[in-house]
Protein backbone atom coordinates (compact mmCIF):
# COMPACT_ATOMS: atom_id res chain seq x y z
CA UNK A 1 0.29 42.25 37.61
CA UNK A 2 -0.33 42.18 41.36
CA UNK A 3 -3.76 41.26 42.86
CA UNK A 4 -4.34 42.28 46.39
CA UNK A 5 -6.78 39.91 47.93
CA UNK A 6 -8.76 40.66 50.85
CA UNK A 7 -10.58 38.06 53.13
CA UNK A 8 -14.20 39.40 53.63
CA UNK A 9 -15.26 37.03 56.29
CA UNK A 10 -18.78 38.66 56.77
CA UNK A 11 -19.55 38.16 53.06
CA UNK A 12 -17.94 34.66 52.99
CA UNK A 13 -15.44 35.32 50.24
CA UNK A 14 -12.09 36.20 49.25
CA UNK A 15 -12.01 39.30 46.89
CA UNK A 16 -10.22 41.63 44.85
CA UNK A 17 -10.91 44.73 42.84
CA UNK A 18 -9.22 44.92 39.65
CA UNK A 19 -9.66 47.88 37.24
CA UNK A 20 -12.83 48.69 39.19
CA UNK A 21 -14.27 45.33 38.99
CA UNK A 22 -14.85 42.97 41.90
CA UNK A 23 -13.57 39.47 41.65
CA UNK A 24 -14.41 36.91 44.27
CA UNK A 25 -14.13 33.19 45.50
CA UNK A 26 -16.89 32.54 47.62
CA UNK A 27 -16.93 29.80 50.40
CA UNK A 28 -18.88 28.53 53.30
CA UNK A 29 -17.35 26.65 56.28
CA UNK A 30 -19.00 23.78 57.90
CA UNK A 31 -18.57 22.32 61.22
CA UNK A 32 -15.35 24.43 61.59
CA UNK A 33 -13.51 21.70 59.92
CA UNK A 34 -14.74 21.75 56.11
CA UNK A 35 -14.23 24.70 53.77
CA UNK A 36 -16.51 24.37 50.60
CA UNK A 37 -15.56 26.45 47.82
CA UNK A 38 -18.86 27.53 46.22
CA UNK A 39 -18.17 29.84 43.26
CA UNK A 40 -15.35 31.84 41.88
CA UNK A 41 -16.30 34.82 39.66
CA UNK A 42 -14.01 37.13 37.57
CA UNK A 43 -15.77 39.51 35.05
CA UNK A 44 -15.10 38.60 31.38
CA UNK A 45 -13.21 41.57 30.67
CA UNK A 46 -10.46 40.40 33.17
CA UNK A 47 -10.41 36.71 32.26
CA UNK A 48 -7.21 35.26 31.21
CA UNK A 49 -4.91 37.22 33.79
CA UNK A 50 -4.63 34.81 36.45
CA UNK A 51 -6.79 36.52 38.71
CA UNK A 52 -9.10 33.60 39.64
CA UNK A 53 -6.15 31.46 40.54
CA UNK A 54 -4.92 34.09 43.07
CA UNK A 55 -8.18 34.14 44.62
CA UNK A 56 -8.66 30.37 44.87
CA UNK A 57 -5.14 29.98 46.25
CA UNK A 58 -5.93 32.64 48.85
CA UNK A 59 -8.78 30.59 50.05
CA UNK A 60 -6.67 27.40 50.10
CA UNK A 61 -3.91 29.27 52.00
CA UNK A 62 -6.68 30.22 54.46
CA UNK A 63 -7.96 26.60 54.76
CA UNK A 64 -4.44 25.34 55.40
CA UNK A 65 -3.64 27.94 58.07
CA UNK A 66 -6.81 27.24 59.82
CA UNK A 67 -6.42 23.43 59.64
CA UNK A 68 -9.60 23.10 57.36
CA UNK A 69 -10.15 20.39 54.62
CA UNK A 70 -11.73 21.78 51.50
CA UNK A 71 -14.24 20.63 49.06
CA UNK A 72 -14.41 22.41 45.72
CA UNK A 73 -17.79 22.65 44.52
CA UNK A 74 -16.80 25.24 42.01
CA UNK A 75 -15.49 23.77 38.76
CA UNK A 76 -12.67 26.52 38.46
CA UNK A 77 -11.34 25.44 42.07
CA UNK A 78 -11.54 21.85 41.32
CA UNK A 79 -9.66 22.35 38.20
CA UNK A 80 -7.14 24.57 40.00
CA UNK A 81 -6.46 22.07 42.72
CA UNK A 82 -5.98 19.23 40.26
CA UNK A 83 -3.37 21.45 38.35
CA UNK A 84 -1.58 22.37 41.71
CA UNK A 85 -0.81 18.75 43.24
CA UNK A 86 0.49 20.41 46.23
CA UNK A 87 -2.87 21.32 47.35
CA UNK A 88 -4.48 18.15 46.95
CA UNK A 89 -3.84 17.15 50.54
CA UNK A 90 -6.51 19.69 51.53
CA UNK A 91 -9.28 17.77 49.69
CA UNK A 92 -11.94 16.35 52.01
CA UNK A 93 -11.56 12.45 51.97
């Protein structure tokens, strides 16, 4: 399945609409250097399809492209980063 992710900067989130349901990865940027991933939400009916991972990866790609460090306050984002060691260099020290 292809998930088209949109960066909705005004709402501070990455989002995708899948089968009519809004899925999001919300964030905040502090000091122009830190991106805090605050919540990843996928409706129950869509879980298990990898949508949350696609959203988090989009957020991490954005952070990397803009030179931001990441703090995953969302448990899903934290687990995702631990499972994908190529993203660990983005973690705030």
